[in-house]
mmCIF file of all heavy atoms, coordinates in Angstrom:
data_MODEL
# 
_entry.id   MODEL 
# 
loop_
_atom_site.group_PDB 
_atom_site.id 
_atom_site.type_symbol 
_atom_site.label_atom_id 
_atom_site.label_alt_id 
_atom_site.label_comp_id 
_atom_site.label_asym_id 
_atom_site.label_entity_id 
_atom_site.label_seq_id 
_atom_site.pdbx_PDB_ins_code 
_atom_site.Cartn_x 
_atom_site.Cartn_y 
_atom_site.Cartn_z 
_atom_site.occupancy 
_atom_site.B_iso_or_equiv 
_atom_site.pdbx_formal_charge 
_atom_site.auth_seq_id 
_atom_site.auth_comp_id 
_atom_site.auth_asym_id 
_atom_site.auth_atom_id 
_atom_site.pdbx_PDB_model_num 
ATOM 1   N N   . GLY A 1 1  ? 11.241  0.150  0.432   1.00 0.00 ? 1  GLY A N   1 
ATOM 2   C CA  . GLY A 1 1  ? 11.347  1.576  0.136   1.00 0.00 ? 1  GLY A CA  1 
ATOM 3   C C   . GLY A 1 1  ? 12.115  2.267  1.247   1.00 0.00 ? 1  GLY A C   1 
ATOM 4   O O   . GLY A 1 1  ? 12.245  1.736  2.340   1.00 0.00 ? 1  GLY A O   1 
ATOM 5   N N   . ARG A 1 2  ? 12.615  3.437  0.951   1.00 0.00 ? 2  ARG A N   1 
ATOM 6   C CA  . ARG A 1 2  ? 13.290  4.205  2.007   1.00 0.00 ? 2  ARG A CA  1 
ATOM 7   C C   . ARG A 1 2  ? 12.321  4.566  3.099   1.00 0.00 ? 2  ARG A C   1 
ATOM 8   O O   . ARG A 1 2  ? 12.639  4.469  4.277   1.00 0.00 ? 2  ARG A O   1 
ATOM 9   C CB  . ARG A 1 2  ? 13.918  5.495  1.419   1.00 0.00 ? 2  ARG A CB  1 
ATOM 10  C CG  . ARG A 1 2  ? 15.217  5.212  0.661   1.00 0.00 ? 2  ARG A CG  1 
ATOM 11  C CD  . ARG A 1 2  ? 16.000  6.519  0.524   1.00 0.00 ? 2  ARG A CD  1 
ATOM 12  N NE  . ARG A 1 2  ? 17.345  6.253  0.134   1.00 0.00 ? 2  ARG A NE  1 
ATOM 13  C CZ  . ARG A 1 2  ? 18.344  7.145  0.178   1.00 0.00 ? 2  ARG A CZ  1 
ATOM 14  N NH1 . ARG A 1 2  ? 18.097  8.376  0.611   1.00 0.00 ? 2  ARG A NH1 1 
ATOM 15  N NH2 . ARG A 1 2  ? 19.563  6.830  -0.181  1.00 0.00 ? 2  ARG A NH2 1 
ATOM 16  N N   . VAL A 1 3  ? 11.116  5.002  2.717   1.00 0.00 ? 3  VAL A N   1 
ATOM 17  C CA  . VAL A 1 3  ? 10.075  5.385  3.674   1.00 0.00 ? 3  VAL A CA  1 
ATOM 18  C C   . VAL A 1 3  ? 8.746   4.869  3.151   1.00 0.00 ? 3  VAL A C   1 
ATOM 19  O O   . VAL A 1 3  ? 8.423   5.027  1.965   1.00 0.00 ? 3  VAL A O   1 
ATOM 20  C CB  . VAL A 1 3  ? 10.001  6.908  3.865   1.00 0.00 ? 3  VAL A CB  1 
ATOM 21  C CG1 . VAL A 1 3  ? 8.957   7.228  4.972   1.00 0.00 ? 3  VAL A CG1 1 
ATOM 22  C CG2 . VAL A 1 3  ? 11.355  7.458  4.260   1.00 0.00 ? 3  VAL A CG2 1 
ATOM 23  N N   . LYS A 1 4  ? 7.936   4.265  4.044   1.00 0.00 ? 4  LYS A N   1 
ATOM 24  C CA  . LYS A 1 4  ? 6.608   3.797  3.646   1.00 0.00 ? 4  LYS A CA  1 
ATOM 25  C C   . LYS A 1 4  ? 5.641   4.963  3.786   1.00 0.00 ? 4  LYS A C   1 
ATOM 26  O O   . LYS A 1 4  ? 5.125   5.242  4.854   1.00 0.00 ? 4  LYS A O   1 
ATOM 27  C CB  . LYS A 1 4  ? 6.200   2.605  4.507   1.00 0.00 ? 4  LYS A CB  1 
ATOM 28  C CG  . LYS A 1 4  ? 7.017   1.362  4.215   1.00 0.00 ? 4  LYS A CG  1 
ATOM 29  C CD  . LYS A 1 4  ? 6.459   0.138  4.928   1.00 0.00 ? 4  LYS A CD  1 
ATOM 30  C CE  . LYS A 1 4  ? 6.711   0.182  6.409   1.00 0.00 ? 4  LYS A CE  1 
ATOM 31  N NZ  . LYS A 1 4  ? 6.304   -1.063 7.102   1.00 0.00 ? 4  LYS A NZ  1 
ATOM 32  N N   . THR A 1 5  ? 5.396   5.638  2.663   1.00 0.00 ? 5  THR A N   1 
ATOM 33  C CA  . THR A 1 5  ? 4.524   6.807  2.632   1.00 0.00 ? 5  THR A CA  1 
ATOM 34  C C   . THR A 1 5  ? 3.196   6.435  1.988   1.00 0.00 ? 5  THR A C   1 
ATOM 35  O O   . THR A 1 5  ? 3.004   5.304  1.495   1.00 0.00 ? 5  THR A O   1 
ATOM 36  C CB  . THR A 1 5  ? 5.178   7.907  1.819   1.00 0.00 ? 5  THR A CB  1 
ATOM 37  O OG1 . THR A 1 5  ? 5.373   7.429  0.471   1.00 0.00 ? 5  THR A OG1 1 
ATOM 38  C CG2 . THR A 1 5  ? 6.522   8.324  2.394   1.00 0.00 ? 5  THR A CG2 1 
ATOM 39  N N   . GLN A 1 6  ? 2.304   7.373  1.936   1.00 0.00 ? 6  GLN A N   1 
ATOM 40  C CA  . GLN A 1 6  ? 1.060   7.186  1.187   1.00 0.00 ? 6  GLN A CA  1 
ATOM 41  C C   . GLN A 1 6  ? 1.340   6.833  -0.264  1.00 0.00 ? 6  GLN A C   1 
ATOM 42  O O   . GLN A 1 6  ? 0.713   5.942  -0.840  1.00 0.00 ? 6  GLN A O   1 
ATOM 43  C CB  . GLN A 1 6  ? 0.178   8.435  1.271   1.00 0.00 ? 6  GLN A CB  1 
ATOM 44  C CG  . GLN A 1 6  ? -1.148  8.303  0.552   1.00 0.00 ? 6  GLN A CG  1 
ATOM 45  C CD  . GLN A 1 6  ? -1.981  9.603  0.595   1.00 0.00 ? 6  GLN A CD  1 
ATOM 46  O OE1 . GLN A 1 6  ? -1.548  10.599 1.183   1.00 0.00 ? 6  GLN A OE1 1 
ATOM 47  N NE2 . GLN A 1 6  ? -3.154  9.587  0.005   1.00 0.00 ? 6  GLN A NE2 1 
ATOM 48  N N   . GLY A 1 7  ? 2.300   7.520  -0.867  1.00 0.00 ? 7  GLY A N   1 
ATOM 49  C CA  . GLY A 1 7  ? 2.666   7.257  -2.236  1.00 0.00 ? 7  GLY A CA  1 
ATOM 50  C C   . GLY A 1 7  ? 3.250   5.869  -2.443  1.00 0.00 ? 7  GLY A C   1 
ATOM 51  O O   . GLY A 1 7  ? 3.026   5.237  -3.469  1.00 0.00 ? 7  GLY A O   1 
ATOM 52  N N   . PHE A 1 8  ? 4.030   5.400  -1.472  1.00 0.00 ? 8  PHE A N   1 
ATOM 53  C CA  . PHE A 1 8  ? 4.609   4.073  -1.532  1.00 0.00 ? 8  PHE A CA  1 
ATOM 54  C C   . PHE A 1 8  ? 3.515   3.014  -1.606  1.00 0.00 ? 8  PHE A C   1 
ATOM 55  O O   . PHE A 1 8  ? 3.535   2.071  -2.413  1.00 0.00 ? 8  PHE A O   1 
ATOM 56  C CB  . PHE A 1 8  ? 5.511   3.854  -0.318  1.00 0.00 ? 8  PHE A CB  1 
ATOM 57  C CG  . PHE A 1 8  ? 6.164   2.501  -0.257  1.00 0.00 ? 8  PHE A CG  1 
ATOM 58  C CD1 . PHE A 1 8  ? 7.249   2.177  -1.060  1.00 0.00 ? 8  PHE A CD1 1 
ATOM 59  C CD2 . PHE A 1 8  ? 5.725   1.534  0.657   1.00 0.00 ? 8  PHE A CD2 1 
ATOM 60  C CE1 . PHE A 1 8  ? 7.863   0.943  -0.980  1.00 0.00 ? 8  PHE A CE1 1 
ATOM 61  C CE2 . PHE A 1 8  ? 6.332   0.316  0.759   1.00 0.00 ? 8  PHE A CE2 1 
ATOM 62  C CZ  . PHE A 1 8  ? 7.393   -0.004 -0.058  1.00 0.00 ? 8  PHE A CZ  1 
ATOM 63  N N   . PHE A 1 9  ? 2.531   3.147  -0.707  1.00 0.00 ? 9  PHE A N   1 
ATOM 64  C CA  . PHE A 1 9  ? 1.390   2.222  -0.726  1.00 0.00 ? 9  PHE A CA  1 
ATOM 65  C C   . PHE A 1 9  ? 0.608   2.363  -2.051  1.00 0.00 ? 9  PHE A C   1 
ATOM 66  O O   . PHE A 1 9  ? 0.206   1.375  -2.644  1.00 0.00 ? 9  PHE A O   1 
ATOM 67  C CB  . PHE A 1 9  ? 0.463   2.531  0.465   1.00 0.00 ? 9  PHE A CB  1 
ATOM 68  C CG  . PHE A 1 9  ? 0.847   1.907  1.742   1.00 0.00 ? 9  PHE A CG  1 
ATOM 69  C CD1 . PHE A 1 9  ? 2.012   2.262  2.403   1.00 0.00 ? 9  PHE A CD1 1 
ATOM 70  C CD2 . PHE A 1 9  ? 0.048   0.930  2.338   1.00 0.00 ? 9  PHE A CD2 1 
ATOM 71  C CE1 . PHE A 1 9  ? 2.393   1.682  3.603   1.00 0.00 ? 9  PHE A CE1 1 
ATOM 72  C CE2 . PHE A 1 9  ? 0.407   0.335  3.528   1.00 0.00 ? 9  PHE A CE2 1 
ATOM 73  C CZ  . PHE A 1 9  ? 1.573   0.718  4.189   1.00 0.00 ? 9  PHE A CZ  1 
ATOM 74  N N   . GLN A 1 10 ? 0.362   3.585  -2.458  1.00 0.00 ? 10 GLN A N   1 
ATOM 75  C CA  . GLN A 1 10 ? -0.415  3.830  -3.667  1.00 0.00 ? 10 GLN A CA  1 
ATOM 76  C C   . GLN A 1 10 ? 0.219   3.166  -4.873  1.00 0.00 ? 10 GLN A C   1 
ATOM 77  O O   . GLN A 1 10 ? -0.490  2.639  -5.747  1.00 0.00 ? 10 GLN A O   1 
ATOM 78  C CB  . GLN A 1 10 ? -0.549  5.345  -3.880  1.00 0.00 ? 10 GLN A CB  1 
ATOM 79  C CG  . GLN A 1 10 ? -1.544  5.757  -4.940  1.00 0.00 ? 10 GLN A CG  1 
ATOM 80  C CD  . GLN A 1 10 ? -1.709  7.258  -4.965  1.00 0.00 ? 10 GLN A CD  1 
ATOM 81  O OE1 . GLN A 1 10 ? -0.755  8.028  -4.992  1.00 0.00 ? 10 GLN A OE1 1 
ATOM 82  N NE2 . GLN A 1 10 ? -2.950  7.721  -4.948  1.00 0.00 ? 10 GLN A NE2 1 
ATOM 83  N N   . ASP A 1 11 ? 1.535   3.214  -4.944  1.00 0.00 ? 11 ASP A N   1 
ATOM 84  C CA  . ASP A 1 11 ? 2.237   2.612  -6.076  1.00 0.00 ? 11 ASP A CA  1 
ATOM 85  C C   . ASP A 1 11 ? 2.023   1.099  -6.123  1.00 0.00 ? 11 ASP A C   1 
ATOM 86  O O   . ASP A 1 11 ? 1.742   0.535  -7.176  1.00 0.00 ? 11 ASP A O   1 
ATOM 87  C CB  . ASP A 1 11 ? 3.741   2.923  -5.952  1.00 0.00 ? 11 ASP A CB  1 
ATOM 88  C CG  . ASP A 1 11 ? 4.531   2.249  -7.051  1.00 0.00 ? 11 ASP A CG  1 
ATOM 89  O OD1 . ASP A 1 11 ? 4.418   2.630  -8.214  1.00 0.00 ? 11 ASP A OD1 1 
ATOM 90  O OD2 . ASP A 1 11 ? 5.314   1.293  -6.735  1.00 0.00 ? 11 ASP A OD2 1 
ATOM 91  N N   . ILE A 1 12 ? 2.086   0.452  -4.940  1.00 0.00 ? 12 ILE A N   1 
ATOM 92  C CA  . ILE A 1 12 ? 1.875   -1.002 -4.905  1.00 0.00 ? 12 ILE A CA  1 
ATOM 93  C C   . ILE A 1 12 ? 0.461   -1.334 -5.312  1.00 0.00 ? 12 ILE A C   1 
ATOM 94  O O   . ILE A 1 12 ? 0.221   -2.261 -6.124  1.00 0.00 ? 12 ILE A O   1 
ATOM 95  C CB  . ILE A 1 12 ? 2.165   -1.510 -3.491  1.00 0.00 ? 12 ILE A CB  1 
ATOM 96  C CG1 . ILE A 1 12 ? 3.634   -1.281 -3.115  1.00 0.00 ? 12 ILE A CG1 1 
ATOM 97  C CG2 . ILE A 1 12 ? 1.830   -3.001 -3.369  1.00 0.00 ? 12 ILE A CG2 1 
ATOM 98  C CD1 . ILE A 1 12 ? 3.956   -1.544 -1.658  1.00 0.00 ? 12 ILE A CD1 1 
ATOM 99  N N   . LEU A 1 13 ? -0.529  -0.598 -4.782  1.00 0.00 ? 13 LEU A N   1 
ATOM 100 C CA  . LEU A 1 13 ? -1.906  -0.856 -5.108  1.00 0.00 ? 13 LEU A CA  1 
ATOM 101 C C   . LEU A 1 13 ? -2.159  -0.677 -6.606  1.00 0.00 ? 13 LEU A C   1 
ATOM 102 O O   . LEU A 1 13 ? -2.839  -1.510 -7.235  1.00 0.00 ? 13 LEU A O   1 
ATOM 103 C CB  . LEU A 1 13 ? -2.812  0.100  -4.326  1.00 0.00 ? 13 LEU A CB  1 
ATOM 104 C CG  . LEU A 1 13 ? -2.801  -0.035 -2.790  1.00 0.00 ? 13 LEU A CG  1 
ATOM 105 C CD1 . LEU A 1 13 ? -3.615  1.078  -2.156  1.00 0.00 ? 13 LEU A CD1 1 
ATOM 106 C CD2 . LEU A 1 13 ? -3.271  -1.385 -2.323  1.00 0.00 ? 13 LEU A CD2 1 
ATOM 107 N N   . GLY A 1 14 ? -1.607  0.399  -7.178  1.00 0.00 ? 14 GLY A N   1 
ATOM 108 C CA  . GLY A 1 14 ? -1.852  0.668  -8.577  1.00 0.00 ? 14 GLY A CA  1 
ATOM 109 C C   . GLY A 1 14 ? -1.177  -0.320 -9.512  1.00 0.00 ? 14 GLY A C   1 
ATOM 110 O O   . GLY A 1 14 ? -1.792  -0.780 -10.502 1.00 0.00 ? 14 GLY A O   1 
ATOM 111 N N   . ARG A 1 15 ? 0.038   -0.692 -9.211  1.00 0.00 ? 15 ARG A N   1 
ATOM 112 C CA  . ARG A 1 15 ? 0.799   -1.609 -10.106 1.00 0.00 ? 15 ARG A CA  1 
ATOM 113 C C   . ARG A 1 15 ? 0.160   -2.981 -10.153 1.00 0.00 ? 15 ARG A C   1 
ATOM 114 O O   . ARG A 1 15 ? 0.259   -3.677 -11.175 1.00 0.00 ? 15 ARG A O   1 
ATOM 115 C CB  . ARG A 1 15 ? 2.251   -1.714 -9.641  1.00 0.00 ? 15 ARG A CB  1 
ATOM 116 C CG  . ARG A 1 15 ? 3.098   -0.540 -10.005 1.00 0.00 ? 15 ARG A CG  1 
ATOM 117 C CD  . ARG A 1 15 ? 4.578   -0.777 -9.769  1.00 0.00 ? 15 ARG A CD  1 
ATOM 118 N NE  . ARG A 1 15 ? 4.912   -0.969 -8.354  1.00 0.00 ? 15 ARG A NE  1 
ATOM 119 C CZ  . ARG A 1 15 ? 5.197   -2.139 -7.822  1.00 0.00 ? 15 ARG A CZ  1 
ATOM 120 N NH1 . ARG A 1 15 ? 5.201   -3.231 -8.537  1.00 0.00 ? 15 ARG A NH1 1 
ATOM 121 N NH2 . ARG A 1 15 ? 5.525   -2.236 -6.510  1.00 0.00 ? 15 ARG A NH2 1 
ATOM 122 N N   . HIS A 1 16 ? -0.476  -3.382 -9.091  1.00 0.00 ? 16 HIS A N   1 
ATOM 123 C CA  . HIS A 1 16 ? -1.020  -4.735 -9.007  1.00 0.00 ? 16 HIS A CA  1 
ATOM 124 C C   . HIS A 1 16 ? -2.549  -4.784 -9.093  1.00 0.00 ? 16 HIS A C   1 
ATOM 125 O O   . HIS A 1 16 ? -3.147  -5.853 -8.936  1.00 0.00 ? 16 HIS A O   1 
ATOM 126 C CB  . HIS A 1 16 ? -0.546  -5.422 -7.719  1.00 0.00 ? 16 HIS A CB  1 
ATOM 127 C CG  . HIS A 1 16 ? 0.946   -5.625 -7.657  1.00 0.00 ? 16 HIS A CG  1 
ATOM 128 N ND1 . HIS A 1 16 ? 1.558   -6.633 -8.366  1.00 0.00 ? 16 HIS A ND1 1 
ATOM 129 C CD2 . HIS A 1 16 ? 1.930   -4.937 -7.051  1.00 0.00 ? 16 HIS A CD2 1 
ATOM 130 C CE1 . HIS A 1 16 ? 2.863   -6.578 -8.149  1.00 0.00 ? 16 HIS A CE1 1 
ATOM 131 N NE2 . HIS A 1 16 ? 3.107   -5.525 -7.347  1.00 0.00 ? 16 HIS A NE2 1 
ATOM 132 N N   . GLY A 1 17 ? -3.177  -3.657 -9.354  1.00 0.00 ? 17 GLY A N   1 
ATOM 133 C CA  . GLY A 1 17 ? -4.618  -3.624 -9.486  1.00 0.00 ? 17 GLY A CA  1 
ATOM 134 C C   . GLY A 1 17 ? -5.327  -4.088 -8.230  1.00 0.00 ? 17 GLY A C   1 
ATOM 135 O O   . GLY A 1 17 ? -6.335  -4.831 -8.262  1.00 0.00 ? 17 GLY A O   1 
ATOM 136 N N   . ILE A 1 18 ? -4.827  -3.674 -7.071  1.00 0.00 ? 18 ILE A N   1 
ATOM 137 C CA  . ILE A 1 18 ? -5.363  -4.099 -5.769  1.00 0.00 ? 18 ILE A CA  1 
ATOM 138 C C   . ILE A 1 18 ? -6.517  -3.188 -5.349  1.00 0.00 ? 18 ILE A C   1 
ATOM 139 O O   . ILE A 1 18 ? -6.423  -1.962 -5.459  1.00 0.00 ? 18 ILE A O   1 
ATOM 140 C CB  . ILE A 1 18 ? -4.268  -4.067 -4.706  1.00 0.00 ? 18 ILE A CB  1 
ATOM 141 C CG1 . ILE A 1 18 ? -3.160  -5.071 -5.050  1.00 0.00 ? 18 ILE A CG1 1 
ATOM 142 C CG2 . ILE A 1 18 ? -4.832  -4.372 -3.317  1.00 0.00 ? 18 ILE A CG2 1 
ATOM 143 C CD1 . ILE A 1 18 ? -1.907  -4.936 -4.204  1.00 0.00 ? 18 ILE A CD1 1 
ATOM 144 N N   . ALA A 1 19 ? -7.608  -3.796 -4.921  1.00 0.00 ? 19 ALA A N   1 
ATOM 145 C CA  . ALA A 1 19 ? -8.760  -3.053 -4.438  1.00 0.00 ? 19 ALA A CA  1 
ATOM 146 C C   . ALA A 1 19 ? -8.513  -2.600 -2.987  1.00 0.00 ? 19 ALA A C   1 
ATOM 147 O O   . ALA A 1 19 ? -8.501  -3.466 -2.097  1.00 0.00 ? 19 ALA A O   1 
ATOM 148 C CB  . ALA A 1 19 ? -10.022 -3.910 -4.538  1.00 0.00 ? 19 ALA A CB  1 
ATOM 149 N N   . PRO A 1 20 ? -8.350  -1.335 -2.736  1.00 0.00 ? 20 PRO A N   1 
ATOM 150 C CA  . PRO A 1 20 ? -8.004  -0.864 -1.381  1.00 0.00 ? 20 PRO A CA  1 
ATOM 151 C C   . PRO A 1 20 ? -9.049  -1.291 -0.323  1.00 0.00 ? 20 PRO A C   1 
ATOM 152 O O   . PRO A 1 20 ? -8.685  -1.746 0.771   1.00 0.00 ? 20 PRO A O   1 
ATOM 153 C CB  . PRO A 1 20 ? -7.929  0.649  -1.500  1.00 0.00 ? 20 PRO A CB  1 
ATOM 154 C CG  . PRO A 1 20 ? -7.611  0.863  -2.955  1.00 0.00 ? 20 PRO A CG  1 
ATOM 155 C CD  . PRO A 1 20 ? -8.337  -0.193 -3.681  1.00 0.00 ? 20 PRO A CD  1 
ATOM 156 N N   . ALA A 1 21 ? -10.321 -1.117 -0.627  1.00 0.00 ? 21 ALA A N   1 
ATOM 157 C CA  . ALA A 1 21 ? -11.359 -1.369 0.366   1.00 0.00 ? 21 ALA A CA  1 
ATOM 158 C C   . ALA A 1 21 ? -11.487 -2.853 0.760   1.00 0.00 ? 21 ALA A C   1 
ATOM 159 O O   . ALA A 1 21 ? -12.011 -3.185 1.795   1.00 0.00 ? 21 ALA A O   1 
ATOM 160 C CB  . ALA A 1 21 ? -12.721 -0.887 -0.150  1.00 0.00 ? 21 ALA A CB  1 
ATOM 161 N N   . ALA A 1 22 ? -10.928 -3.731 -0.108  1.00 0.00 ? 22 ALA A N   1 
ATOM 162 C CA  . ALA A 1 22 ? -10.971 -5.155 0.172   1.00 0.00 ? 22 ALA A CA  1 
ATOM 163 C C   . ALA A 1 22 ? -9.639  -5.672 0.672   1.00 0.00 ? 22 ALA A C   1 
ATOM 164 O O   . ALA A 1 22 ? -9.454  -6.882 0.806   1.00 0.00 ? 22 ALA A O   1 
ATOM 165 C CB  . ALA A 1 22 ? -11.410 -5.911 -1.094  1.00 0.00 ? 22 ALA A CB  1 
ATOM 166 N N   . SER A 1 23 ? -8.712  -4.753 0.938   1.00 0.00 ? 23 SER A N   1 
ATOM 167 C CA  . SER A 1 23 ? -7.347  -5.169 1.270   1.00 0.00 ? 23 SER A CA  1 
ATOM 168 C C   . SER A 1 23 ? -6.922  -4.585 2.630   1.00 0.00 ? 23 SER A C   1 
ATOM 169 O O   . SER A 1 23 ? -7.566  -3.705 3.181   1.00 0.00 ? 23 SER A O   1 
ATOM 170 C CB  . SER A 1 23 ? -6.398  -4.722 0.167   1.00 0.00 ? 23 SER A CB  1 
ATOM 171 O OG  . SER A 1 23 ? -6.731  -5.332 -1.055  1.00 0.00 ? 23 SER A OG  1 
ATOM 172 N N   . TRP A 1 24 ? -5.766  -5.116 3.124   1.00 0.00 ? 24 TRP A N   1 
ATOM 173 C CA  . TRP A 1 24 ? -5.355  -4.834 4.490   1.00 0.00 ? 24 TRP A CA  1 
ATOM 174 C C   . TRP A 1 24 ? -3.868  -4.505 4.558   1.00 0.00 ? 24 TRP A C   1 
ATOM 175 O O   . TRP A 1 24 ? -3.079  -4.995 3.785   1.00 0.00 ? 24 TRP A O   1 
ATOM 176 C CB  . TRP A 1 24 ? -5.596  -6.038 5.393   1.00 0.00 ? 24 TRP A CB  1 
ATOM 177 C CG  . TRP A 1 24 ? -7.025  -6.399 5.573   1.00 0.00 ? 24 TRP A CG  1 
ATOM 178 C CD1 . TRP A 1 24 ? -7.866  -7.049 4.665   1.00 0.00 ? 24 TRP A CD1 1 
ATOM 179 C CD2 . TRP A 1 24 ? -7.838  -6.112 6.715   1.00 0.00 ? 24 TRP A CD2 1 
ATOM 180 N NE1 . TRP A 1 24 ? -9.114  -7.173 5.213   1.00 0.00 ? 24 TRP A NE1 1 
ATOM 181 C CE2 . TRP A 1 24 ? -9.148  -6.614 6.434   1.00 0.00 ? 24 TRP A CE2 1 
ATOM 182 C CE3 . TRP A 1 24 ? -7.582  -5.492 7.937   1.00 0.00 ? 24 TRP A CE3 1 
ATOM 183 C CZ2 . TRP A 1 24 ? -10.166 -6.517 7.376   1.00 0.00 ? 24 TRP A CZ2 1 
ATOM 184 C CZ3 . TRP A 1 24 ? -8.624  -5.398 8.862   1.00 0.00 ? 24 TRP A CZ3 1 
ATOM 185 C CH2 . TRP A 1 24 ? -9.907  -5.908 8.556   1.00 0.00 ? 24 TRP A CH2 1 
ATOM 186 N N   . SER A 1 25 ? -3.554  -3.681 5.556   1.00 0.00 ? 25 SER A N   1 
ATOM 187 C CA  . SER A 1 25 ? -2.169  -3.465 5.948   1.00 0.00 ? 25 SER A CA  1 
ATOM 188 C C   . SER A 1 25 ? -2.033  -3.896 7.390   1.00 0.00 ? 25 SER A C   1 
ATOM 189 O O   . SER A 1 25 ? -2.856  -3.564 8.227   1.00 0.00 ? 25 SER A O   1 
ATOM 190 C CB  . SER A 1 25 ? -1.800  -1.972 5.811   1.00 0.00 ? 25 SER A CB  1 
ATOM 191 O OG  . SER A 1 25 ? -0.496  -1.722 6.365   1.00 0.00 ? 25 SER A OG  1 
ATOM 192 N N   . VAL A 1 26 ? -0.971  -4.683 7.667   1.00 0.00 ? 26 VAL A N   1 
ATOM 193 C CA  . VAL A 1 26 ? -0.736  -5.161 9.029   1.00 0.00 ? 26 VAL A CA  1 
ATOM 194 C C   . VAL A 1 26 ? 0.682   -4.759 9.433   1.00 0.00 ? 26 VAL A C   1 
ATOM 195 O O   . VAL A 1 26 ? 1.656   -5.112 8.756   1.00 0.00 ? 26 VAL A O   1 
ATOM 196 C CB  . VAL A 1 26 ? -0.890  -6.700 9.113   1.00 0.00 ? 26 VAL A CB  1 
ATOM 197 C CG1 . VAL A 1 26 ? -0.583  -7.185 10.533  1.00 0.00 ? 26 VAL A CG1 1 
ATOM 198 C CG2 . VAL A 1 26 ? -2.253  -7.139 8.675   1.00 0.00 ? 26 VAL A CG2 1 
ATOM 199 N N   . GLY A 1 27 ? 0.824   -4.035 10.536  1.00 0.00 ? 27 GLY A N   1 
ATOM 200 C CA  . GLY A 1 27 ? 2.139   -3.646 10.992  1.00 0.00 ? 27 GLY A CA  1 
ATOM 201 C C   . GLY A 1 27 ? 2.128   -2.996 12.345  1.00 0.00 ? 27 GLY A C   1 
ATOM 202 O O   . GLY A 1 27 ? 1.075   -2.605 12.856  1.00 0.00 ? 27 GLY A O   1 
ATOM 203 N N   . ASN A 1 28 ? 3.290   -2.818 12.930  1.00 0.00 ? 28 ASN A N   1 
ATOM 204 C CA  . ASN A 1 28 ? 3.398   -2.314 14.297  1.00 0.00 ? 28 ASN A CA  1 
ATOM 205 C C   . ASN A 1 28 ? 3.572   -0.787 14.331  1.00 0.00 ? 28 ASN A C   1 
ATOM 206 O O   . ASN A 1 28 ? 3.629   -0.214 15.423  1.00 0.00 ? 28 ASN A O   1 
ATOM 207 C CB  . ASN A 1 28 ? 4.613   -2.954 15.009  1.00 0.00 ? 28 ASN A CB  1 
ATOM 208 C CG  . ASN A 1 28 ? 5.934   -2.445 14.481  1.00 0.00 ? 28 ASN A CG  1 
ATOM 209 O OD1 . ASN A 1 28 ? 6.183   -2.520 13.275  1.00 0.00 ? 28 ASN A OD1 1 
ATOM 210 N ND2 . ASN A 1 28 ? 6.763   -1.931 15.349  1.00 0.00 ? 28 ASN A ND2 1 
ATOM 211 N N   . SER A 1 29 ? 3.625   -0.116 13.196  1.00 0.00 ? 29 SER A N   1 
ATOM 212 C CA  . SER A 1 29 ? 3.857   1.336  13.167  1.00 0.00 ? 29 SER A CA  1 
ATOM 213 C C   . SER A 1 29 ? 2.610   2.089  12.743  1.00 0.00 ? 29 SER A C   1 
ATOM 214 O O   . SER A 1 29 ? 2.095   1.893  11.644  1.00 0.00 ? 29 SER A O   1 
ATOM 215 C CB  . SER A 1 29 ? 4.999   1.653  12.194  1.00 0.00 ? 29 SER A CB  1 
ATOM 216 O OG  . SER A 1 29 ? 5.154   3.011  12.034  1.00 0.00 ? 29 SER A OG  1 
# 
């Protein structure tokens, strides 16, 4: 994506039926 925003994350979670509370983000920013 151009910018990793809340909406960018939300789109990935929604499209793939990902459970947020059981999932992780790993990064240096």
